[in-house]
């Protein structure tokens, strides 16, 4: 009887280890850790100087670009989506976001001011 109790105790202990590991894995698969979200790129103010649809570029006279640590100046940007250029014309006052994508300064969002 004593050996049977010993076998049952050892068997019970062996069963609880995999069950505990499985429970932990199941919990992780059903409740994944939240992924960090990227902070929104701040909007800057500017004025459209030139729109070059064929090259996918826009010239903007802009204020400081905080996220790019860039002072106010006039420069040419690529646009992330060519459709952005359809809404722009020279002299438009805009608010826009720009990021460095693949080493190129790119407008990722643009809004014309009313």
PDB file of N, CA and C in Angstrom:
ATOM      1  N   UNK A   1       0.817  -1.178   0.000  1.00  0.00           N
ATOM      2  CA  UNK A   1       0.000   0.000   0.000  1.00  0.00           C
ATOM      3  C   UNK A   1       0.870   1.254   0.000  1.00  0.00           C
ATOM      4  N   UNK A   2       1.935   1.166   0.795  1.00  0.00           N
ATOM      5  CA  UNK A   2       2.835   2.286   0.884  1.00  0.00           C
ATOM      6  C   UNK A   2       3.457   2.615  -0.472  1.00  0.00           C
ATOM      7  N   UNK A   3       3.866   1.646  -1.254  1.00  0.00           N
ATOM      8  CA  UNK A   3       4.473   1.884  -2.556  1.00  0.00           C
ATOM      9  C   UNK A   3       3.441   2.457  -3.534  1.00  0.00           C
ATOM     10  N   UNK A   4       2.197   2.032  -3.393  1.00  0.00           N
ATOM     11  CA  UNK A   4       1.136   2.568  -4.252  1.00  0.00           C
ATOM     12  C   UNK A   4       0.927   4.056  -3.958  1.00  0.00           C
ATOM     13  N   UNK A   5       0.938   4.435  -2.682  1.00  0.00           N
ATOM     14  CA  UNK A   5       0.803   5.839  -2.322  1.00  0.00           C
ATOM     15  C   UNK A   5       1.991   6.652  -2.832  1.00  0.00           C
ATOM     16  N   UNK A   6       3.163   6.097  -2.776  1.00  0.00           N
ATOM     17  CA  UNK A   6       4.367   6.766  -3.278  1.00  0.00           C
ATOM     18  C   UNK A   6       4.276   6.985  -4.776  1.00  0.00           C
ATOM     19  N   UNK A   7       3.800   5.963  -5.503  1.00  0.00           N
ATOM     20  CA  UNK A   7       3.651   6.073  -6.954  1.00  0.00           C
ATOM     21  C   UNK A   7       2.599   7.131  -7.292  1.00  0.00           C
ATOM     22  N   UNK A   8       1.483   7.137  -6.561  1.00  0.00           N
ATOM     23  CA  UNK A   8       0.436   8.115  -6.811  1.00  0.00           C
ATOM     24  C   UNK A   8       0.921   9.535  -6.508  1.00  0.00           C
ATOM     25  N   UNK A   9       1.697   9.697  -5.446  1.00  0.00           N
ATOM     26  CA  UNK A   9       2.212  11.016  -5.088  1.00  0.00           C
ATOM     27  C   UNK A   9       3.159  11.529  -6.166  1.00  0.00           C
ATOM     28  N   UNK A  10       4.044  10.659  -6.637  1.00  0.00           N
ATOM     29  CA  UNK A  10       4.989  11.047  -7.682  1.00  0.00           C
ATOM     30  C   UNK A  10       4.237  11.339  -8.981  1.00  0.00           C
ATOM     31  N   UNK A  11       3.262  10.513  -9.332  1.00  0.00           N
ATOM     32  CA  UNK A  11       2.476  10.716 -10.556  1.00  0.00           C
ATOM     33  C   UNK A  11       1.710  12.033 -10.477  1.00  0.00           C
ATOM     34  N   UNK A  12       1.117  12.316  -9.331  1.00  0.00           N
ATOM     35  CA  UNK A  12       0.375  13.561  -9.159  1.00  0.00           C
ATOM     36  C   UNK A  12       1.282  14.767  -9.315  1.00  0.00           C
ATOM     37  N   UNK A  13       2.476  14.682  -8.752  1.00  0.00           N
ATOM     38  CA  UNK A  13       3.426  15.785  -8.863  1.00  0.00           C
ATOM     39  C   UNK A  13       3.848  15.982 -10.309  1.00  0.00           C
ATOM     40  N   UNK A  14       4.014  14.908 -11.047  1.00  0.00           N
ATOM     41  CA  UNK A  14       4.424  15.001 -12.446  1.00  0.00           C
ATOM     42  C   UNK A  14       3.307  15.609 -13.297  1.00  0.00           C
ATOM     43  N   UNK A  15       2.068  15.333 -12.959  1.00  0.00           N
ATOM     44  CA  UNK A  15       0.956  15.871 -13.731  1.00  0.00           C
ATOM     45  C   UNK A  15       0.760  17.364 -13.499  1.00  0.00           C
ATOM     46  N   UNK A  16       1.052  17.844 -12.301  1.00  0.00           N
ATOM     47  CA  UNK A  16       0.811  19.255 -12.020  1.00  0.00           C
ATOM     48  C   UNK A  16       1.817  20.158 -12.713  1.00  0.00           C
ATOM     49  N   UNK A  17       3.030  19.709 -12.936  1.00  0.00           N
ATOM     50  CA  UNK A  17       4.026  20.556 -13.578  1.00  0.00           C
ATOM     51  C   UNK A  17       3.629  20.880 -15.020  1.00  0.00           C
ATOM     52  N   UNK A  18       3.331  19.871 -15.857  1.00  0.00           N
ATOM     53  CA  UNK A  18       2.942  20.222 -17.221  1.00  0.00           C
ATOM     54  C   UNK A  18       1.629  21.008 -17.263  1.00  0.00           C
ATOM     55  N   UNK A  19       0.706  20.704 -16.376  1.00  0.00           N
ATOM     56  CA  UNK A  19      -0.556  21.419 -16.362  1.00  0.00           C
ATOM     57  C   UNK A  19      -0.327  22.888 -16.040  1.00  0.00           C
ATOM     58  N   UNK A  20       0.526  23.173 -15.087  1.00  0.00           N
ATOM     59  CA  UNK A  20       0.826  24.556 -14.728  1.00  0.00           C
ATOM     60  C   UNK A  20       1.491  25.272 -15.893  1.00  0.00           C
ATOM     61  N   UNK A  21       2.411  24.616 -16.583  1.00  0.00           N
ATOM     62  CA  UNK A  21       3.082  25.225 -17.726  1.00  0.00           C
ATOM     63  C   UNK A  21       2.088  25.487 -18.849  1.00  0.00           C
ATOM     64  N   UNK A  22       1.179  24.537 -19.061  1.00  0.00           N
ATOM     65  CA  UNK A  22       0.189  24.696 -20.118  1.00  0.00           C
ATOM     66  C   UNK A  22      -0.759  25.842 -19.784  1.00  0.00           C
ATOM     67  N   UNK A  23      -1.162  25.949 -18.546  1.00  0.00           N
ATOM     68  CA  UNK A  23      -2.065  27.024 -18.142  1.00  0.00           C
ATOM     69  C   UNK A  23      -1.416  28.378 -18.404  1.00  0.00           C
ATOM     70  N   UNK A  24      -0.125  28.498 -18.094  1.00  0.00           N
ATOM     71  CA  UNK A  24       0.582  29.752 -18.324  1.00  0.00           C
ATOM     72  C   UNK A  24       0.642  30.072 -19.812  1.00  0.00           C
ATOM     73  N   UNK A  25       0.931  29.077 -20.639  1.00  0.00           N
ATOM     74  CA  UNK A  25       1.006  29.289 -22.087  1.00  0.00           C
ATOM     75  C   UNK A  25      -0.365  29.657 -22.640  1.00  0.00           C
ATOM     76  N   UNK A  26      -1.427  28.985 -22.154  1.00  0.00           N
ATOM     77  CA  UNK A  26      -2.775  29.305 -22.618  1.00  0.00           C
ATOM     78  C   UNK A  26      -3.129  30.743 -22.261  1.00  0.00           C
ATOM     79  N   UNK A  27      -2.761  31.149 -21.082  1.00  0.00           N
ATOM     80  CA  UNK A  27      -3.058  32.511 -20.651  1.00  0.00           C
ATOM     81  C   UNK A  27      -2.373  33.515 -21.587  1.00  0.00           C
ATOM     82  N   UNK A  28      -1.107  33.269 -21.913  1.00  0.00           N
ATOM     83  CA  UNK A  28      -0.369  34.185 -22.782  1.00  0.00           C
ATOM     84  C   UNK A  28      -0.970  34.254 -24.174  1.00  0.00           C
ATOM     85  N   UNK A  29      -1.460  33.128 -24.698  1.00  0.00           N
ATOM     86  CA  UNK A  29      -2.008  33.154 -26.050  1.00  0.00           C
ATOM     87  C   UNK A  29      -3.364  33.849 -26.092  1.00  0.00           C
ATOM     88  N   UNK A  30      -4.105  33.829 -25.000  1.00  0.00           N
ATOM     89  CA  UNK A  30      -5.411  34.479 -24.971  1.00  0.00           C
ATOM     90  C   UNK A  30      -5.346  35.926 -24.507  1.00  0.00           C
ATOM     91  N   UNK A  31      -4.269  36.267 -23.834  1.00  0.00           N
ATOM     92  CA  UNK A  31      -4.104  37.622 -23.312  1.00  0.00           C
ATOM     93  C   UNK A  31      -2.692  38.114 -23.635  1.00  0.00           C
ATOM     94  N   UNK A  32      -2.427  38.423 -24.903  1.00  0.00           N
ATOM     95  CA  UNK A  32      -1.070  38.866 -25.243  1.00  0.00           C
ATOM     96  C   UNK A  32      -0.753  40.202 -24.592  1.00  0.00           C
ATOM     97  N   UNK A  33       0.535  40.429 -24.380  1.00  0.00           N
ATOM     98  CA  UNK A  33       0.957  41.708 -23.816  1.00  0.00           C
ATOM     99  C   UNK A  33       0.587  42.822 -24.779  1.00  0.00           C
ATOM    100  N   UNK A  34       0.119  43.945 -24.266  1.00  0.00           N
ATOM    101  CA  UNK A  34      -0.210  45.052 -25.168  1.00  0.00           C
ATOM    102  C   UNK A  34       1.041  45.536 -25.872  1.00  0.00           C
ATOM    103  N   UNK A  35       0.921  45.854 -27.140  1.00  0.00           N
ATOM    104  CA  UNK A  35       2.046  46.346 -27.916  1.00  0.00           C
ATOM    105  C   UNK A  35       2.153  47.854 -27.702  1.00  0.00           C
ATOM    106  N   UNK A  36       3.378  48.358 -27.584  1.00  0.00           N
ATOM    107  CA  UNK A  36       3.505  49.799 -27.426  1.00  0.00           C
ATOM    108  C   UNK A  36       3.036  50.492 -28.706  1.00  0.00           C
ATOM    109  N   UNK A  37       2.336  51.605 -28.553  1.00  0.00           N
ATOM    110  CA  UNK A  37       1.857  52.339 -29.716  1.00  0.00           C
ATOM    111  C   UNK A  37       2.781  53.506 -29.983  1.00  0.00           C
ATOM    112  N   UNK A  38       3.002  53.767 -31.245  1.00  0.00           N
ATOM    113  CA  UNK A  38       3.859  54.880 -31.621  1.00  0.00           C
ATOM    114  C   UNK A  38       3.122  56.193 -31.343  1.00  0.00           C
ATOM    115  N   UNK A  39       3.845  57.142 -30.857  1.00  0.00           N
ATOM    116  CA  UNK A  39       3.242  58.443 -30.613  1.00  0.00           C
ATOM    117  C   UNK A  39       2.925  59.086 -31.959  1.00  0.00           C
ATOM    118  N   UNK A  40       1.845  59.814 -32.001  1.00  0.00           N
ATOM    119  CA  UNK A  40       1.461  60.484 -33.234  1.00  0.00           C
ATOM    120  C   UNK A  40       2.511  61.533 -33.589  1.00  0.00           C
ATOM    121  N   UNK A  41       2.827  61.648 -34.875  1.00  0.00           N
ATOM    122  CA  UNK A  41       3.783  62.644 -35.326  1.00  0.00           C
ATOM    123  C   UNK A  41       3.124  64.018 -35.236  1.00  0.00           C
ATOM    124  N   UNK A  42       3.801  64.970 -34.609  1.00  0.00           N
ATOM    125  CA  UNK A  42       3.183  66.285 -34.443  1.00  0.00           C
ATOM    126  C   UNK A  42       2.986  66.988 -35.788  1.00  0.00           C
ATOM    127  N   UNK A  43       1.950  67.814 -35.846  1.00  0.00           N
ATOM    128  CA  UNK A  43       1.651  68.589 -37.041  1.00  0.00           C
ATOM    129  C   UNK A  43       2.428  69.908 -36.983  1.00  0.00           C
ATOM    130  N   UNK A  44       2.912  70.334 -38.137  1.00  0.00           N
ATOM    131  CA  UNK A  44       3.614  71.609 -38.267  1.00  0.00           C
ATOM    132  C   UNK A  44       2.850  72.467 -39.267  1.00  0.00           C
ATOM    133  N   UNK A  45       3.070  73.772 -39.194  1.00  0.00           N
ATOM    134  CA  UNK A  45       2.397  74.688 -40.112  1.00  0.00           C
ATOM    135  C   UNK A  45       3.334  75.039 -41.251  1.00  0.00           C
ATOM    136  N   UNK A  46       2.735  75.293 -42.416  1.00  0.00           N
ATOM    137  CA  UNK A  46       3.548  75.660 -43.561  1.00  0.00           C
ATOM    138  C   UNK A  46       2.721  76.263 -44.675  1.00  0.00           C
ATOM    139  N   UNK A  47       3.414  76.597 -45.764  1.00  0.00           N
ATOM    140  CA  UNK A  47       2.777  77.142 -46.957  1.00  0.00           C
ATOM    141  C   UNK A  47       3.352  76.423 -48.177  1.00  0.00           C
ATOM    142  N   UNK A  48       2.464  75.987 -49.051  1.00  0.00           N
ATOM    143  CA  UNK A  48       2.887  75.262 -50.244  1.00  0.00           C
ATOM    144  C   UNK A  48       3.549  76.238 -51.216  1.00  0.00           C
ATOM    145  N   UNK A  49       4.766  75.898 -51.644  1.00  0.00           N
ATOM    146  CA  UNK A  49       5.473  76.711 -52.625  1.00  0.00           C
ATOM    147  C   UNK A  49       5.303  76.159 -54.030  1.00  0.00           C
ATOM    148  N   UNK A  50       5.470  74.857 -54.192  1.00  0.00           N
ATOM    149  CA  UNK A  50       5.381  74.235 -55.506  1.00  0.00           C
ATOM    150  C   UNK A  50       4.883  72.808 -55.341  1.00  0.00           C
ATOM    151  N   UNK A  51       4.065  72.362 -56.277  1.00  0.00           N
ATOM    152  CA  UNK A  51       3.575  70.989 -56.289  1.00  0.00           C
ATOM    153  C   UNK A  51       4.111  70.331 -57.554  1.00  0.00           C
ATOM    154  N   UNK A  52       4.874  69.239 -57.403  1.00  0.00           N
ATOM    155  CA  UNK A  52       5.426  68.511 -58.543  1.00  0.00           C
ATOM    156  C   UNK A  52       4.851  67.103 -58.540  1.00  0.00           C
ATOM    157  N   UNK A  53       3.679  66.956 -59.183  1.00  0.00           N
ATOM    158  CA  UNK A  53       2.981  65.665 -59.174  1.00  0.00           C
ATOM    159  C   UNK A  53       3.792  64.571 -59.861  1.00  0.00           C
ATOM    160  N   UNK A  54       4.473  64.908 -60.934  1.00  0.00           N
ATOM    161  CA  UNK A  54       5.220  63.881 -61.670  1.00  0.00           C
ATOM    162  C   UNK A  54       6.360  63.295 -60.837  1.00  0.00           C
ATOM    163  N   UNK A  55       6.939  64.099 -59.952  1.00  0.00           N
ATOM    164  CA  UNK A  55       8.031  63.619 -59.096  1.00  0.00           C
ATOM    165  C   UNK A  55       7.536  63.156 -57.730  1.00  0.00           C
ATOM    166  N   UNK A  56       6.251  63.423 -57.408  1.00  0.00           N
ATOM    167  CA  UNK A  56       5.714  63.051 -56.102  1.00  0.00           C
ATOM    168  C   UNK A  56       6.285  63.891 -54.975  1.00  0.00           C
ATOM    169  N   UNK A  57       6.513  65.191 -55.276  1.00  0.00           N
ATOM    170  CA  UNK A  57       7.145  66.077 -54.296  1.00  0.00           C
ATOM    171  C   UNK A  57       6.356  67.366 -54.137  1.00  0.00           C
ATOM    172  N   UNK A  58       6.559  67.993 -52.972  1.00  0.00           N
ATOM    173  CA  UNK A  58       5.958  69.285 -52.685  1.00  0.00           C
ATOM    174  C   UNK A  58       7.003  70.143 -51.966  1.00  0.00           C
ATOM    175  N   UNK A  59       7.078  71.412 -52.363  1.00  0.00           N
ATOM    176  CA  UNK A  59       7.956  72.366 -51.691  1.00  0.00           C
ATOM    177  C   UNK A  59       7.116  73.082 -50.641  1.00  0.00           C
ATOM    178  N   UNK A  60       7.630  73.093 -49.408  1.00  0.00           N
ATOM    179  CA  UNK A  60       6.891  73.700 -48.299  1.00  0.00           C
ATOM    180  C   UNK A  60       7.801  74.668 -47.545  1.00  0.00           C
ATOM    181  N   UNK A  61       7.294  75.881 -47.336  1.00  0.00           N
ATOM    182  CA  UNK A  61       7.930  76.839 -46.426  1.00  0.00           C
ATOM    183  C   UNK A  61       7.292  76.551 -45.076  1.00  0.00           C
ATOM    184  N   UNK A  62       8.090  76.044 -44.137  1.00  0.00           N
ATOM    185  CA  UNK A  62       7.515  75.552 -42.882  1.00  0.00           C
ATOM    186  C   UNK A  62       8.169  76.146 -41.646  1.00  0.00           C
ATOM    187  N   UNK A  63       7.431  76.022 -40.558  1.00  0.00           N
ATOM    188  CA  UNK A  63       7.961  76.369 -39.250  1.00  0.00           C
ATOM    189  C   UNK A  63       8.834  75.220 -38.752  1.00  0.00           C
ATOM    190  N   UNK A  64       9.285  75.294 -37.501  1.00  0.00           N
ATOM    191  CA  UNK A  64      10.128  74.225 -36.952  1.00  0.00           C
ATOM    192  C   UNK A  64       9.421  72.858 -36.992  1.00  0.00           C
ATOM    193  N   UNK A  65      10.176  71.837 -37.322  1.00  0.00           N
ATOM    194  CA  UNK A  65       9.676  70.461 -37.298  1.00  0.00           C
ATOM    195  C   UNK A  65      10.292  69.794 -36.063  1.00  0.00           C
ATOM    196  N   UNK A  66       9.534  69.790 -34.981  1.00  0.00           N
ATOM    197  CA  UNK A  66      10.043  69.326 -33.687  1.00  0.00           C
ATOM    198  C   UNK A  66      10.538  67.886 -33.743  1.00  0.00           C
ATOM    199  N   UNK A  67       9.764  66.997 -34.370  1.00  0.00           N
ATOM    200  CA  UNK A  67      10.126  65.583 -34.374  1.00  0.00           C
ATOM    201  C   UNK A  67      11.378  65.303 -35.204  1.00  0.00           C
ATOM    202  N   UNK A  68      11.729  66.208 -36.114  1.00  0.00           N
ATOM    203  CA  UNK A  68      12.929  66.033 -36.936  1.00  0.00           C
ATOM    204  C   UNK A  68      14.067  66.950 -36.481  1.00  0.00           C
ATOM    205  N   UNK A  69      13.821  67.709 -35.402  1.00  0.00           N
ATOM    206  CA  UNK A  69      14.805  68.652 -34.865  1.00  0.00           C
ATOM    207  C   UNK A  69      15.309  69.569 -35.977  1.00  0.00           C
ATOM    208  N   UNK A  70      14.353  70.153 -36.714  1.00  0.00           N
ATOM    209  CA  UNK A  70      14.677  70.973 -37.876  1.00  0.00           C
ATOM    210  C   UNK A  70      14.094  72.379 -37.693  1.00  0.00           C
ATOM    211  N   UNK A  71      14.903  73.414 -37.946  1.00  0.00           N
ATOM    212  CA  UNK A  71      14.388  74.780 -37.823  1.00  0.00           C
ATOM    213  C   UNK A  71      13.482  75.136 -39.003  1.00  0.00           C
ATOM    214  N   UNK A  72      12.858  76.283 -38.919  1.00  0.00           N
ATOM    215  CA  UNK A  72      12.012  76.777 -39.998  1.00  0.00           C
ATOM    216  C   UNK A  72      12.862  77.001 -41.246  1.00  0.00           C
ATOM    217  N   UNK A  73      12.307  76.617 -42.398  1.00  0.00           N
ATOM    218  CA  UNK A  73      12.996  76.795 -43.682  1.00  0.00           C
ATOM    219  C   UNK A  73      12.045  76.436 -44.814  1.00  0.00           C
ATOM    220  N   UNK A  74      12.510  76.536 -46.027  1.00  0.00           N
ATOM    221  CA  UNK A  74      11.763  76.095 -47.205  1.00  0.00           C
ATOM    222  C   UNK A  74      12.507  74.901 -47.772  1.00  0.00           C
ATOM    223  N   UNK A  75      11.775  73.818 -48.007  1.00  0.00           N
ATOM    224  CA  UNK A  75      12.428  72.620 -48.543  1.00  0.00           C
ATOM    225  C   UNK A  75      11.449  71.745 -49.312  1.00  0.00           C
ATOM    226  N   UNK A  76      11.996  70.788 -50.028  1.00  0.00           N
ATOM    227  CA  UNK A  76      11.205  69.854 -50.835  1.00  0.00           C
ATOM    228  C   UNK A  76      11.039  68.558 -50.050  1.00  0.00           C
ATOM    229  N   UNK A  77       9.814  68.042 -50.041  1.00  0.00           N
ATOM    230  CA  UNK A  77       9.488  66.771 -49.390  1.00  0.00           C
ATOM    231  C   UNK A  77       8.875  65.820 -50.407  1.00  0.00           C
ATOM    232  N   UNK A  78       9.102  64.557 -50.230  1.00  0.00           N
ATOM    233  CA  UNK A  78       8.321  63.526 -50.923  1.00  0.00           C
ATOM    234  C   UNK A  78       7.000  63.421 -50.174  1.00  0.00           C
ATOM    235  N   UNK A  79       5.999  62.825 -50.816  1.00  0.00           N
ATOM    236  CA  UNK A  79       4.740  62.557 -50.127  1.00  0.00           C
ATOM    237  C   UNK A  79       4.529  61.055 -50.060  1.00  0.00           C
ATOM    238  N   UNK A  80       3.957  60.615 -48.952  1.00  0.00           N
ATOM    239  CA  UNK A  80       3.716  59.188 -48.742  1.00  0.00           C
ATOM    240  C   UNK A  80       2.679  58.654 -49.729  1.00  0.00           C
ATOM    241  N   UNK A  81       1.684  59.498 -50.037  1.00  0.00           N
ATOM    242  CA  UNK A  81       0.593  59.111 -50.934  1.00  0.00           C
ATOM    243  C   UNK A  81       0.441  60.198 -51.998  1.00  0.00           C
ATOM    244  N   UNK A  82       0.604  59.830 -53.266  1.00  0.00           N
ATOM    245  CA  UNK A  82       0.526  60.815 -54.350  1.00  0.00           C
ATOM    246  C   UNK A  82      -0.809  61.551 -54.397  1.00  0.00           C
ATOM    247  N   UNK A  83      -1.876  60.935 -53.893  1.00  0.00           N
ATOM    248  CA  UNK A  83      -3.194  61.580 -53.886  1.00  0.00           C
ATOM    249  C   UNK A  83      -3.183  62.852 -53.035  1.00  0.00           C
ATOM    250  N   UNK A  84      -2.261  62.971 -52.102  1.00  0.00           N
ATOM    251  CA  UNK A  84      -2.149  64.191 -51.290  1.00  0.00           C
ATOM    252  C   UNK A  84      -1.933  65.415 -52.171  1.00  0.00           C
ATOM    253  N   UNK A  85      -1.191  65.239 -53.243  1.00  0.00           N
ATOM    254  CA  UNK A  85      -0.841  66.365 -54.106  1.00  0.00           C
ATOM    255  C   UNK A  85      -2.037  66.901 -54.885  1.00  0.00           C
ATOM    256  N   UNK A  86      -3.052  66.071 -55.081  1.00  0.00           N
ATOM    257  CA  UNK A  86      -4.245  66.493 -55.818  1.00  0.00           C
ATOM    258  C   UNK A  86      -5.009  67.590 -55.091  1.00  0.00           C
ATOM    259  N   UNK A  87      -4.835  67.662 -53.781  1.00  0.00           N
ATOM    260  CA  UNK A  87      -5.592  68.639 -52.973  1.00  0.00           C
ATOM    261  C   UNK A  87      -4.824  69.938 -52.749  1.00  0.00           C
ATOM    262  N   UNK A  88      -3.597  70.031 -53.280  1.00  0.00           N
ATOM    263  CA  UNK A  88      -2.740  71.179 -52.971  1.00  0.00           C
ATOM    264  C   UNK A  88      -2.512  72.076 -54.175  1.00  0.00           C
ATOM    265  N   UNK A  89      -2.330  73.369 -53.872  1.00  0.00           N
ATOM    266  CA  UNK A  89      -1.906  74.320 -54.902  1.00  0.00           C
ATOM    267  C   UNK A  89      -0.983  75.346 -54.250  1.00  0.00           C
ATOM    268  N   UNK A  90      -0.194  75.996 -55.077  1.00  0.00           N
ATOM    269  CA  UNK A  90       0.752  76.994 -54.590  1.00  0.00           C
ATOM    270  C   UNK A  90       0.032  78.049 -53.755  1.00  0.00           C
ATOM    271  N   UNK A  91       0.613  78.357 -52.596  1.00  0.00           N
ATOM    272  CA  UNK A  91       0.056  79.381 -51.708  1.00  0.00           C
ATOM    273  C   UNK A  91      -0.857  78.837 -50.621  1.00  0.00           C
ATOM    274  N   UNK A  92      -1.246  77.555 -50.709  1.00  0.00           N
ATOM    275  CA  UNK A  92      -2.112  76.968 -49.680  1.00  0.00           C
ATOM    276  C   UNK A  92      -1.417  76.996 -48.322  1.00  0.00           C
ATOM    277  N   UNK A  93      -2.149  77.400 -47.302  1.00  0.00           N
ATOM    278  CA  UNK A  93      -1.682  77.284 -45.915  1.00  0.00           C
ATOM    279  C   UNK A  93      -2.039  75.867 -45.469  1.00  0.00           C
ATOM    280  N   UNK A  94      -1.073  75.178 -44.873  1.00  0.00           N
ATOM    281  CA  UNK A  94      -1.285  73.777 -44.505  1.00  0.00           C
ATOM    282  C   UNK A  94      -0.790  73.478 -43.104  1.00  0.00           C
ATOM    283  N   UNK A  95      -1.268  72.351 -42.600  1.00  0.00           N
ATOM    284  CA  UNK A  95      -0.708  71.687 -41.419  1.00  0.00           C
ATOM    285  C   UNK A  95      -0.300  70.314 -41.912  1.00  0.00           C
ATOM    286  N   UNK A  96       0.898  69.862 -41.516  1.00  0.00           N
ATOM    287  CA  UNK A  96       1.388  68.595 -42.041  1.00  0.00           C
ATOM    288  C   UNK A  96       2.287  67.894 -41.040  1.00  0.00           C
ATOM    289  N   UNK A  97       2.435  66.604 -41.264  1.00  0.00           N
ATOM    290  CA  UNK A  97       3.381  65.793 -40.498  1.00  0.00           C
ATOM    291  C   UNK A  97       4.406  65.257 -41.474  1.00  0.00           C
ATOM    292  N   UNK A  98       5.661  65.261 -41.055  1.00  0.00           N
ATOM    293  CA  UNK A  98       6.736  64.724 -41.886  1.00  0.00           C
ATOM    294  C   UNK A  98       7.590  63.786 -41.038  1.00  0.00           C
ATOM    295  N   UNK A  99       8.079  62.749 -41.682  1.00  0.00           N
ATOM    296  CA  UNK A  99       8.956  61.780 -41.025  1.00  0.00           C
ATOM    297  C   UNK A  99      10.092  61.433 -41.973  1.00  0.00           C
ATOM    298  N   UNK A 100      11.149  60.893 -41.414  1.00  0.00           N
ATOM    299  CA  UNK A 100      12.248  60.400 -42.233  1.00  0.00           C
ATOM    300  C   UNK A 100      11.961  58.924 -42.499  1.00  0.00           C
ATOM    301  N   UNK A 101      11.642  58.593 -43.744  1.00  0.00           N
ATOM    302  CA  UNK A 101      11.312  57.220 -44.128  1.00  0.00           C
ATOM    303  C   UNK A 101      12.344  56.754 -45.149  1.00  0.00           C
ATOM    304  N   UNK A 102      13.083  55.724 -44.812  1.00  0.00           N
ATOM    305  CA  UNK A 102      14.119  55.221 -45.711  1.00  0.00           C
ATOM    306  C   UNK A 102      15.150  56.283 -46.056  1.00  0.00           C
ATOM    307  N   UNK A 103      15.419  57.175 -45.112  1.00  0.00           N
ATOM    308  CA  UNK A 103      16.408  58.221 -45.323  1.00  0.00           C
ATOM    309  C   UNK A 103      15.886  59.441 -46.074  1.00  0.00           C
ATOM    310  N   UNK A 104      14.591  59.433 -46.426  1.00  0.00           N
ATOM    311  CA  UNK A 104      14.005  60.541 -47.188  1.00  0.00           C
ATOM    312  C   UNK A 104      12.947  61.250 -46.353  1.00  0.00           C
ATOM    313  N   UNK A 105      12.998  62.568 -46.325  1.00  0.00           N
ATOM    314  CA  UNK A 105      11.977  63.336 -45.615  1.00  0.00           C
ATOM    315  C   UNK A 105      10.676  63.233 -46.403  1.00  0.00           C
ATOM    316  N   UNK A 106       9.637  62.750 -45.727  1.00  0.00           N
ATOM    317  CA  UNK A 106       8.379  62.426 -46.391  1.00  0.00           C
ATOM    318  C   UNK A 106       7.200  62.991 -45.613  1.00  0.00           C
ATOM    319  N   UNK A 107       6.298  63.662 -46.325  1.00  0.00           N
ATOM    320  CA  UNK A 107       5.052  64.137 -45.719  1.00  0.00           C
ATOM    321  C   UNK A 107       4.142  62.926 -45.581  1.00  0.00           C
ATOM    322  N   UNK A 108       3.709  62.656 -44.351  1.00  0.00           N
ATOM    323  CA  UNK A 108       2.860  61.486 -44.091  1.00  0.00           C
ATOM    324  C   UNK A 108       1.396  61.854 -43.897  1.00  0.00           C
ATOM    325  N   UNK A 109       1.140  63.126 -43.588  1.00  0.00           N
ATOM    326  CA  UNK A 109      -0.225  63.607 -43.403  1.00  0.00           C
ATOM    327  C   UNK A 109      -0.251  65.090 -43.743  1.00  0.00           C
ATOM    328  N   UNK A 110      -1.344  65.529 -44.365  1.00  0.00           N
ATOM    329  CA  UNK A 110      -1.439  66.941 -44.730  1.00  0.00           C
ATOM    330  C   UNK A 110      -2.891  67.393 -44.688  1.00  0.00           C
ATOM    331  N   UNK A 111      -3.084  68.607 -44.173  1.00  0.00           N
ATOM    332  CA  UNK A 111      -4.418  69.212 -44.089  1.00  0.00           C
ATOM    333  C   UNK A 111      -4.306  70.648 -44.573  1.00  0.00           C
ATOM    334  N   UNK A 112      -5.214  71.054 -45.420  1.00  0.00           N
ATOM    335  CA  UNK A 112      -5.230  72.456 -45.831  1.00  0.00           C
ATOM    336  C   UNK A 112      -5.982  73.249 -44.786  1.00  0.00           C
ATOM    337  N   UNK A 113      -5.483  74.452 -44.499  1.00  0.00           N
ATOM    338  CA  UNK A 113      -6.132  75.325 -43.513  1.00  0.00           C
ATOM    339  C   UNK A 113      -7.273  76.075 -44.189  1.00  0.00           C
ATOM    340  N   UNK A 114      -8.296  76.324 -43.449  1.00  0.00           N
ATOM    341  CA  UNK A 114      -9.459  77.038 -43.991  1.00  0.00           C
ATOM    342  C   UNK A 114      -9.303  78.527 -43.750  1.00  0.00           C
TER     343      UNK A 114
END
